[in-house]
Amino acid sequence: MSREYFIDFLVICFGISAWVQLNGLWVQTPVLVQQLPEGWKLSSYINFDYFLIHITLFLGTLSCILLSIFWKKTASIFGENHSIALLVLGGIFAIVDCTSSVLYLPFMANFKSQYFISYLIGEGFSGLIPSIVSLIQGIQNSPACVNKTEIINGTSKTTLVPKYGEPRFSTSVFFIILALLLVISWLAFHFLNKLASAKASDSNRSLQIAGNAQFEVIGEGLSNSRLVILLFIQTYICALTNGILPAIESFSALPYGSTTFHVAVNLSTISNPVACFIGFFKSNFQSDKVLGILTFLGSFFASYILFTALSSPNPPLQNFFGSFLIIVSFTLCFGIFTYAKTVIASILRNNCSDNHKPLFWCGVFTQLGSAFGAFTIFILVNSTKTFVASNPC
C-alpha cells in the first residue's frame, strides 16, 4: 500500500491539537502552583464533524491567546481568592480537548489505516512539545524563605513564606507558543481536507455483497463482549491518566522538591509520544494478553503514585532514591497506559466493518472515564482532608 509521508506529517500536526492545551496547562502547573492562590489544589480545579473541528480549533487558539494575557488575574469567590481567568479558560481547554476525542477519531476513520498511528503520534506530540518548552523554561528547586508581616485585628504577625525564582521565560510566552501550535494544527486540518489521496478504503477491508444481500468483512471481527472489555479498559485508563493522577501529581511529587515535580510532570508527558512511536513500529501488536499485562503494570505504578500522594506531606524515601522512584513511576505509568490506549484504538480501527462507530464510542468512553476520574478526585482534594499539602518553609 503506497504511503505519502507528507500526509503522515499533516496527520501528526493535526493530532497535536487533540490535547495540546490541557497538556500544556498540566506541564505549566509547577510554575502556576507557586504564583496562584489555589496552590497545590490547582490541578484538581483545572481538571474539572468538520465545522465542529474548525470551531474547537478556533476556541482553543483564542483561549491560549487570552490566557497568555489574563492567566494571573484573580477574584474573590465566597471569601477565597481564585484564579478566575485561568479556571474559566482552562475549562474551555477541557471542553475543546475532550470534544476532540469524540470528533477527531471518527474523522481519522475516513483515512487509510496506515495513517492512524501517525495521528496517535501527533496526539503524543501534544504533550511532548509543551513538555520540552516547559523544561527549557526551567524552575527553581528550593524556594527562599522570607518573612511576611500581616496585621490581623490590630496585631502584627510575621510568618515565613516561600519565594520562588523566576523561570527563563514567563507563563504568557508559554501560552503564546501553545497558540502557535494550534494554528499549525489548524492549517494541517485544512490541507488534509483537500488531499483526496489520503482518503481511501483499505483493500483488505472492502465490503463484498453476497447473493443473499449480506455484507461480509474480510478480516477478523470484533465480538460485542470484546468490545465492552476494550471500552471498559479505555474508561479505566482515562479515569486515571486524564482525571485522577494529574490532579494529585503535586501531592505525590512536590514533597520531593520542585525539580522532582517539574521533571516528573514533563517526563510523564514525554512518555506519551514515545509509547506511540513504539505502536508505530509494532502496529500488529494487538494481543489481549499483552493488553492485560500493560493494564496491570500501569496500575502498579499508579498505585505507588497514589500511595505517595496519600502520604503527603511526608511520603517515604525523601531522598535522591525517592525522587528517582517517583519520576520513574510517573514516566512508566503514563507511558504504559498510553501504549495500552494505542493498542485499543488500533484494534477498534482495524477489526470493525464500520470503524466510525467504535472509534466514536472510544472517544465517548474516553471522556466518561476522564470526567468520572476528575469529578471524584476534585471532591477528595477539595472537600476532604485526604490529600495534605506541605509548607516548604
Protein backbone atom coordinates (compact mmCIF):
# COMPACT_ATOMS: atom_id res chain seq x y z
CA MET A 1 0.00 0.00 0.00
CA SER A 2 1.52 3.34 -1.05
CA ARG A 3 2.33 5.79 1.69
CA GLU A 4 2.66 9.55 1.37
CA TYR A 5 4.87 10.86 4.16
CA PHE A 6 3.59 14.40 3.67
CA ILE A 7 0.18 13.11 4.73
CA ASP A 8 1.83 11.49 7.77
CA PHE A 9 3.30 14.90 8.60
CA LEU A 10 -0.08 16.64 8.24
CA VAL A 11 -1.84 13.98 10.34
CA ILE A 12 0.79 14.34 13.09
CA CYS A 13 0.39 18.14 13.06
CA PHE A 14 -3.40 17.72 13.21
CA GLY A 15 -3.11 15.25 16.09
CA ILE A 16 -1.06 17.74 18.10
CA SER A 17 -4.18 19.86 18.61
CA ALA A 18 -6.03 16.98 20.31
CA TRP A 19 -4.70 17.62 23.83
CA VAL A 20 -2.07 20.35 23.47
CA GLN A 21 -3.98 22.91 25.57
CA LEU A 22 -4.57 20.67 28.59
CA ASN A 23 -1.15 19.01 28.30
CA GLY A 24 0.40 22.45 28.16
CA LEU A 25 -1.60 23.52 31.19
CA TRP A 26 -0.51 20.42 33.14
CA VAL A 27 3.20 20.85 32.44
CA GLN A 28 2.93 24.52 33.44
CA THR A 29 1.47 23.66 36.87
CA PRO A 30 4.90 23.59 38.60
CA VAL A 31 5.11 27.32 37.80
CA LEU A 32 1.42 28.09 38.35
CA VAL A 33 1.13 26.50 41.82
CA GLN A 34 3.83 28.88 43.06
CA GLN A 35 2.03 32.04 41.95
CA LEU A 36 -1.72 31.38 42.09
CA PRO A 37 -3.92 31.27 45.21
CA GLU A 38 -5.15 27.68 44.74
CA GLY A 39 -1.65 26.36 45.41
CA TRP A 40 -1.41 22.58 45.47
CA LYS A 41 -5.15 22.22 44.78
CA LEU A 42 -4.86 23.97 41.40
CA SER A 43 -4.54 20.70 39.45
CA SER A 44 -7.88 19.44 40.73
CA TYR A 45 -9.63 22.68 39.73
CA ILE A 46 -8.45 22.83 36.11
CA ASN A 47 -9.29 19.16 35.56
CA PHE A 48 -12.86 19.73 36.35
CA ASP A 49 -17.96 16.96 12.10
CA TYR A 50 -15.61 19.32 10.03
CA PHE A 51 -17.38 22.50 11.05
CA LEU A 52 -17.21 21.48 14.71
CA ILE A 53 -13.49 20.71 14.41
CA HIS A 54 -12.90 24.19 12.99
CA ILE A 55 -14.84 25.64 15.94
CA THR A 56 -12.80 23.67 18.50
CA LEU A 57 -9.52 24.74 16.91
CA PHE A 58 -10.68 28.37 16.86
CA LEU A 59 -11.77 28.28 20.51
CA GLY A 60 -8.54 26.58 21.54
CA THR A 61 -6.38 29.15 19.76
CA LEU A 62 -8.38 32.09 21.12
CA SER A 63 -8.29 30.69 24.67
CA CYS A 64 -4.50 30.32 24.55
CA ILE A 65 -4.10 33.93 23.44
CA LEU A 66 -6.47 35.19 26.16
CA LEU A 67 -4.77 33.05 28.80
CA SER A 68 -1.37 34.48 27.87
CA ILE A 69 -2.78 37.89 28.85
CA PHE A 70 -5.05 37.13 31.82
CA TRP A 71 -3.61 33.95 33.42
CA LYS A 72 -2.63 35.77 36.64
CA LYS A 73 -5.96 37.58 37.16
CA THR A 74 -7.71 36.59 40.39
CA ALA A 75 -11.05 37.34 42.01
CA SER A 76 -12.65 36.71 45.39
CA ILE A 77 -15.29 33.95 45.36
CA PHE A 78 -17.08 33.04 48.61
CA GLY A 79 -14.36 34.81 50.55
CA GLU A 80 -11.45 33.00 48.88
CA ASN A 81 -9.12 34.20 46.16
CA HIS A 82 -9.30 32.17 42.93
CA SER A 83 -7.55 32.35 39.56
CA ILE A 84 -10.80 33.05 37.76
CA ALA A 85 -9.33 33.68 34.29
CA LEU A 86 -7.22 30.53 34.33
CA LEU A 87 -10.07 28.38 35.64
CA VAL A 88 -12.60 29.67 33.08
CA LEU A 89 -10.23 29.47 30.12
CA GLY A 90 -8.89 26.16 31.43
CA GLY A 91 -12.49 24.95 31.38
CA ILE A 92 -12.69 25.93 27.72
CA PHE A 93 -9.45 23.98 27.19
CA ALA A 94 -11.14 20.95 28.73
CA ILE A 95 -14.24 21.30 26.54
CA VAL A 96 -12.15 21.70 23.39
CA ASP A 97 -9.78 18.82 24.15
CA CYS A 98 -12.48 16.47 25.38
CA THR A 99 -14.59 17.21 22.30
CA SER A 100 -11.57 16.45 20.14
CA SER A 101 -11.57 12.81 21.23
CA VAL A 102 -15.15 12.40 20.01
CA LEU A 103 -14.59 14.36 16.77
CA TYR A 104 -11.05 13.50 15.70
CA LEU A 105 -11.15 9.70 16.00
CA PRO A 106 -14.18 9.29 13.68
CA PHE A 107 -12.60 11.86 11.33
CA MET A 108 -9.45 9.72 11.10
CA ALA A 109 -11.60 6.70 10.19
CA ASN A 110 -12.01 8.37 6.78
CA PHE A 111 -8.30 7.87 6.09
CA LYS A 112 -6.22 4.82 5.27
CA SER A 113 -5.45 2.81 8.39
CA GLN A 114 -1.70 3.33 7.88
CA TYR A 115 -2.15 6.96 8.91
CA PHE A 116 -3.99 6.19 12.15
CA ILE A 117 -0.84 5.58 14.22
CA SER A 118 0.55 8.84 12.83
CA TYR A 119 -2.47 10.58 14.37
CA LEU A 120 -1.74 8.93 17.72
CA ILE A 121 1.89 10.05 17.44
CA GLY A 122 0.66 13.59 16.80
CA GLU A 123 -1.58 13.30 19.84
CA GLY A 124 1.51 12.27 21.77
CA PHE A 125 3.38 15.31 20.48
CA SER A 126 0.61 17.42 22.03
CA GLY A 127 2.29 16.53 25.31
CA LEU A 128 5.91 16.25 24.14
CA ILE A 129 6.25 19.75 22.69
CA PRO A 130 4.79 21.60 25.71
CA SER A 131 6.99 19.43 27.95
CA ILE A 132 10.15 20.36 26.06
CA VAL A 133 9.18 24.03 26.19
CA SER A 134 8.48 23.70 29.91
CA LEU A 135 11.85 22.01 30.54
CA ILE A 136 13.60 24.84 28.68
CA GLN A 137 11.59 27.31 30.75
CA GLY A 138 13.08 25.79 33.91
CA ILE A 139 12.08 26.07 37.54
CA GLN A 140 13.95 26.70 40.78
CA ASN A 141 14.11 23.63 43.05
CA SER A 142 14.24 25.13 46.55
CA PRO A 143 12.43 28.38 47.38
CA ALA A 144 13.93 31.07 49.56
CA CYS A 145 12.01 31.53 52.79
CA VAL A 146 11.33 35.19 53.58
CA ASN A 147 9.47 36.99 56.35
CA LYS A 148 5.95 38.21 55.66
CA THR A 149 4.26 40.56 58.12
CA GLU A 150 0.45 40.81 58.32
CA ILE A 151 -1.78 42.94 60.52
CA ILE A 152 -4.62 40.80 61.92
CA ASN A 153 -7.11 42.50 64.27
CA GLY A 154 -4.55 45.18 65.07
CA THR A 155 -1.87 42.62 65.88
CA SER A 156 1.29 42.25 63.80
CA LYS A 157 2.07 38.67 62.80
CA THR A 158 5.23 37.58 60.96
CA THR A 159 5.47 34.25 59.17
CA LEU A 160 7.92 32.58 56.80
CA VAL A 161 6.66 32.21 53.24
CA PRO A 162 8.36 30.65 50.20
CA LYS A 163 9.68 32.91 47.46
CA TYR A 164 10.45 31.19 44.16
CA GLY A 165 12.87 32.31 41.48
CA GLU A 166 11.64 33.40 38.07
CA PRO A 167 11.67 30.90 35.14
CA ARG A 168 13.66 31.67 31.98
CA PHE A 169 10.53 32.99 30.28
CA SER A 170 7.06 33.80 31.51
CA THR A 171 3.85 31.80 31.50
CA SER A 172 2.45 34.31 28.99
CA VAL A 173 5.14 33.33 26.47
CA PHE A 174 4.37 29.66 27.13
CA PHE A 175 0.69 30.07 26.22
CA ILE A 176 1.57 32.06 23.08
CA ILE A 177 3.66 29.06 21.97
CA LEU A 178 0.62 26.81 22.53
CA ALA A 179 -1.47 29.16 20.37
CA LEU A 180 1.11 28.89 17.55
CA LEU A 181 0.98 25.09 17.77
CA LEU A 182 -2.80 25.21 17.38
CA VAL A 183 -2.50 27.44 14.31
CA ILE A 184 -0.15 24.87 12.73
CA SER A 185 -2.65 22.08 13.54
CA TRP A 186 -5.49 24.13 12.08
CA LEU A 187 -3.57 24.56 8.81
CA ALA A 188 -2.81 20.82 8.74
CA PHE A 189 -6.52 20.03 9.15
CA HIS A 190 -7.33 22.37 6.25
CA PHE A 191 -4.83 20.65 3.94
CA LEU A 192 -5.98 17.17 5.00
CA ASN A 193 -9.47 18.01 3.80
CA LYS A 194 -8.03 18.97 0.41
CA LEU A 195 -5.98 15.79 -0.10
CA ALA A 196 -8.24 13.12 -1.53
CA SER A 197 -5.32 10.68 -1.89
CA ALA A 198 -5.29 10.13 1.86
CA LYS A 199 -8.97 9.19 1.95
CA ALA A 200 -9.37 5.72 0.55
CA SER A 201 -10.84 2.47 1.75
CA ASP A 202 -8.34 -0.20 2.61
CA SER A 203 -8.40 -3.05 0.14
CA ASN A 204 -8.33 -5.69 2.86
CA ARG A 205 -11.39 -4.12 4.48
CA SER A 206 -13.60 -3.83 1.44
CA LEU A 207 -17.16 -5.00 1.66
CA GLN A 208 -18.35 -7.80 -0.58
CA ILE A 209 -22.03 -8.03 -1.39
CA ALA A 210 -23.10 -11.66 -1.48
CA GLY A 211 -26.05 -13.03 -3.41
CA ASN A 212 -28.17 -13.06 -0.29
CA ALA A 213 -27.56 -9.30 0.21
CA GLN A 214 -25.45 -9.89 3.33
CA PHE A 215 -22.23 -7.94 3.87
CA GLU A 216 -19.04 -9.79 4.69
CA VAL A 217 -15.98 -8.03 6.04
CA ILE A 218 -12.62 -9.53 5.12
CA GLY A 219 -10.56 -9.73 8.31
CA GLU A 220 -11.10 -10.51 11.95
CA GLY A 221 -14.36 -9.43 13.53
CA LEU A 222 -14.83 -7.87 16.95
CA SER A 223 -17.35 -9.52 19.26
CA ASN A 224 -19.61 -7.46 21.50
CA SER A 225 -18.02 -8.89 24.64
CA ARG A 226 -14.53 -7.98 23.44
CA LEU A 227 -15.73 -4.50 22.51
CA VAL A 228 -17.21 -4.00 26.00
CA ILE A 229 -13.96 -5.14 27.65
CA LEU A 230 -11.87 -2.82 25.48
CA LEU A 231 -14.12 0.16 26.22
CA PHE A 232 -14.06 -0.65 29.95
CA ILE A 233 -10.25 -0.72 29.97
CA GLN A 234 -10.21 2.55 28.00
CA THR A 235 -12.55 4.13 30.57
CA TYR A 236 -10.43 2.87 33.49
CA ILE A 237 -7.15 4.09 31.98
CA CYS A 238 -8.56 7.52 31.10
CA ALA A 239 -10.04 7.94 34.59
CA LEU A 240 -6.50 7.55 35.92
CA THR A 241 -4.38 9.34 33.30
CA ASN A 242 -6.78 12.18 32.45
CA GLY A 243 -8.50 12.65 35.79
CA ILE A 244 -7.02 11.25 38.98
CA LEU A 245 -3.24 11.20 38.51
CA PRO A 246 -2.83 14.72 37.05
CA ALA A 247 -4.86 16.14 39.94
CA ILE A 248 -2.66 14.55 42.63
CA GLU A 249 0.72 14.98 40.94
CA SER A 250 1.57 17.96 43.17
CA PHE A 251 0.81 15.96 46.34
CA SER A 252 2.76 12.98 45.04
CA ALA A 253 5.89 14.63 43.60
CA LEU A 254 6.18 18.13 45.10
CA PRO A 255 7.22 16.90 48.61
CA TYR A 256 10.39 15.61 46.92
CA GLY A 257 11.20 19.11 45.61
CA SER A 258 10.13 21.44 42.83
CA THR A 259 12.69 19.99 40.42
CA THR A 260 11.41 16.46 41.02
CA PHE A 261 7.85 17.69 40.45
CA HIS A 262 8.89 19.55 37.29
CA VAL A 263 10.80 16.59 35.82
CA ALA A 264 8.13 14.02 36.76
CA VAL A 265 5.35 16.04 35.12
CA ASN A 266 7.33 16.62 31.93
CA LEU A 267 8.83 13.14 31.52
CA SER A 268 5.43 11.54 32.07
CA THR A 269 4.08 13.70 29.26
CA ILE A 270 7.08 12.97 27.02
CA SER A 271 6.49 9.23 27.51
CA ASN A 272 3.22 9.62 25.57
CA PRO A 273 4.69 10.08 22.06
CA VAL A 274 7.45 7.57 22.85
CA ALA A 275 4.77 4.95 23.51
CA CYS A 276 3.00 5.95 20.29
CA PHE A 277 6.25 5.60 18.32
CA ILE A 278 6.53 2.04 19.63
CA GLY A 279 2.97 1.48 18.41
CA PHE A 280 4.03 2.84 15.01
CA PHE A 281 6.60 0.05 14.62
CA LYS A 282 4.52 -2.60 16.42
CA SER A 283 1.18 -1.87 14.78
CA ASN A 284 0.21 -5.58 14.74
CA PHE A 285 0.91 -5.99 18.46
CA GLN A 286 -2.73 -6.40 19.46
CA SER A 287 -2.77 -9.33 21.86
CA ASP A 288 -5.44 -9.22 24.58
CA LYS A 289 -2.94 -10.91 26.90
CA VAL A 290 -0.39 -8.15 26.32
CA LEU A 291 -3.09 -5.53 26.88
CA GLY A 292 -3.92 -7.17 30.22
CA ILE A 293 -0.25 -7.15 31.26
CA LEU A 294 0.11 -3.50 30.28
CA THR A 295 -3.00 -2.57 32.29
CA PHE A 296 -1.66 -4.43 35.34
CA LEU A 297 1.79 -2.81 35.14
CA GLY A 298 0.32 0.66 34.64
CA SER A 299 -1.97 0.10 37.63
CA PHE A 300 1.03 -0.96 39.75
CA PHE A 301 2.87 2.30 39.13
CA ALA A 302 -0.37 4.29 39.52
CA SER A 303 -0.85 2.68 42.94
CA TYR A 304 2.58 3.86 44.07
CA ILE A 305 1.83 7.40 42.86
CA LEU A 306 -1.47 7.34 44.77
CA PHE A 307 0.31 5.97 47.86
CA THR A 308 2.85 8.82 47.90
CA ALA A 309 0.07 11.38 47.37
CA LEU A 310 -1.89 9.96 50.31
CA SER A 311 1.32 10.08 52.40
CA SER A 312 1.83 13.81 51.68
CA PRO A 313 3.30 15.92 53.22
CA ASN A 314 5.65 13.18 54.47
CA PRO A 315 5.92 10.48 51.79
CA PRO A 316 8.53 7.74 52.17
CA LEU A 317 12.12 7.99 50.92
CA GLN A 318 12.50 11.77 50.82
CA ASN A 319 15.96 11.48 49.30
CA PHE A 320 17.54 11.03 45.88
CA PHE A 321 16.26 7.46 45.53
CA GLY A 322 12.73 8.52 46.44
CA SER A 323 12.83 11.32 43.87
CA PHE A 324 14.15 8.91 41.26
CA LEU A 325 11.44 6.39 42.10
CA ILE A 326 8.56 8.85 41.79
CA ILE A 327 9.90 10.19 38.47
CA VAL A 328 10.22 6.66 37.09
CA SER A 329 6.74 5.76 38.37
CA PHE A 330 5.12 8.75 36.66
CA THR A 331 7.03 8.16 33.41
CA LEU A 332 6.36 4.42 33.16
CA CYS A 333 2.76 4.71 34.34
CA PHE A 334 1.78 7.22 31.67
CA GLY A 335 3.94 5.56 29.00
CA ILE A 336 2.49 2.09 29.60
CA PHE A 337 -1.08 3.34 29.74
CA THR A 338 -0.56 5.38 26.55
CA TYR A 339 0.68 2.31 24.71
CA ALA A 340 -2.32 0.36 26.02
CA LYS A 341 -4.65 3.06 24.63
CA THR A 342 -2.81 2.86 21.30
CA VAL A 343 -3.41 -0.89 21.18
CA ILE A 344 -7.12 -0.42 21.98
CA ALA A 345 -7.59 2.26 19.31
CA SER A 346 -5.76 0.16 16.71
CA ILE A 347 -7.93 -2.88 17.46
CA LEU A 348 -11.10 -0.82 17.10
CA ARG A 349 -9.82 0.79 13.90
CA ASN A 350 -8.75 -2.43 12.20
CA ASN A 351 -11.30 -5.02 13.31
CA CYS A 352 -14.70 -3.45 12.67
CA SER A 353 -16.50 -3.12 9.36
CA ASP A 354 -17.87 0.30 10.32
CA ASN A 355 -14.84 1.77 12.08
CA HIS A 356 -16.52 5.16 12.61
CA LYS A 357 -18.84 3.85 15.34
CA PRO A 358 -16.30 2.01 17.55
CA LEU A 359 -13.89 4.95 17.32
CA PHE A 360 -16.72 7.32 18.20
CA TRP A 361 -17.60 5.23 21.25
CA CYS A 362 -13.92 5.01 22.12
CA GLY A 363 -13.91 8.82 22.24
CA VAL A 364 -17.11 8.88 24.29
CA PHE A 365 -15.81 6.42 26.90
CA THR A 366 -12.51 8.29 26.98
CA GLN A 367 -14.41 11.35 28.16
CA LEU A 368 -16.67 9.40 30.53
CA GLY A 369 -13.63 7.93 32.25
CA SER A 370 -11.87 11.29 32.32
CA ALA A 371 -14.95 13.03 33.74
CA PHE A 372 -15.50 10.37 36.40
CA GLY A 373 -11.87 10.49 37.49
CA ALA A 374 -11.76 14.30 37.52
CA PHE A 375 -15.03 14.64 39.47
CA THR A 376 -14.05 12.00 42.04
CA ILE A 377 -10.61 13.44 42.73
CA PHE A 378 -11.94 17.01 42.80
CA ILE A 379 -14.25 16.07 45.67
CA LEU A 380 -11.49 14.22 47.53
CA VAL A 381 -8.93 17.02 47.15
CA ASN A 382 -11.18 19.98 47.90
CA SER A 383 -13.88 18.64 50.24
CA THR A 384 -11.90 16.23 52.41
CA LYS A 385 -8.52 16.15 54.11
CA THR A 386 -7.42 13.06 52.20
CA PHE A 387 -4.57 14.94 50.49
CA VAL A 388 -2.50 17.37 52.56
CA ALA A 389 -0.06 19.97 51.20
CA SER A 390 3.17 20.77 53.00
CA ASN A 391 4.72 24.14 53.73
CA PRO A 392 8.15 24.34 52.05
CA CYS A 393 9.29 26.65 54.86
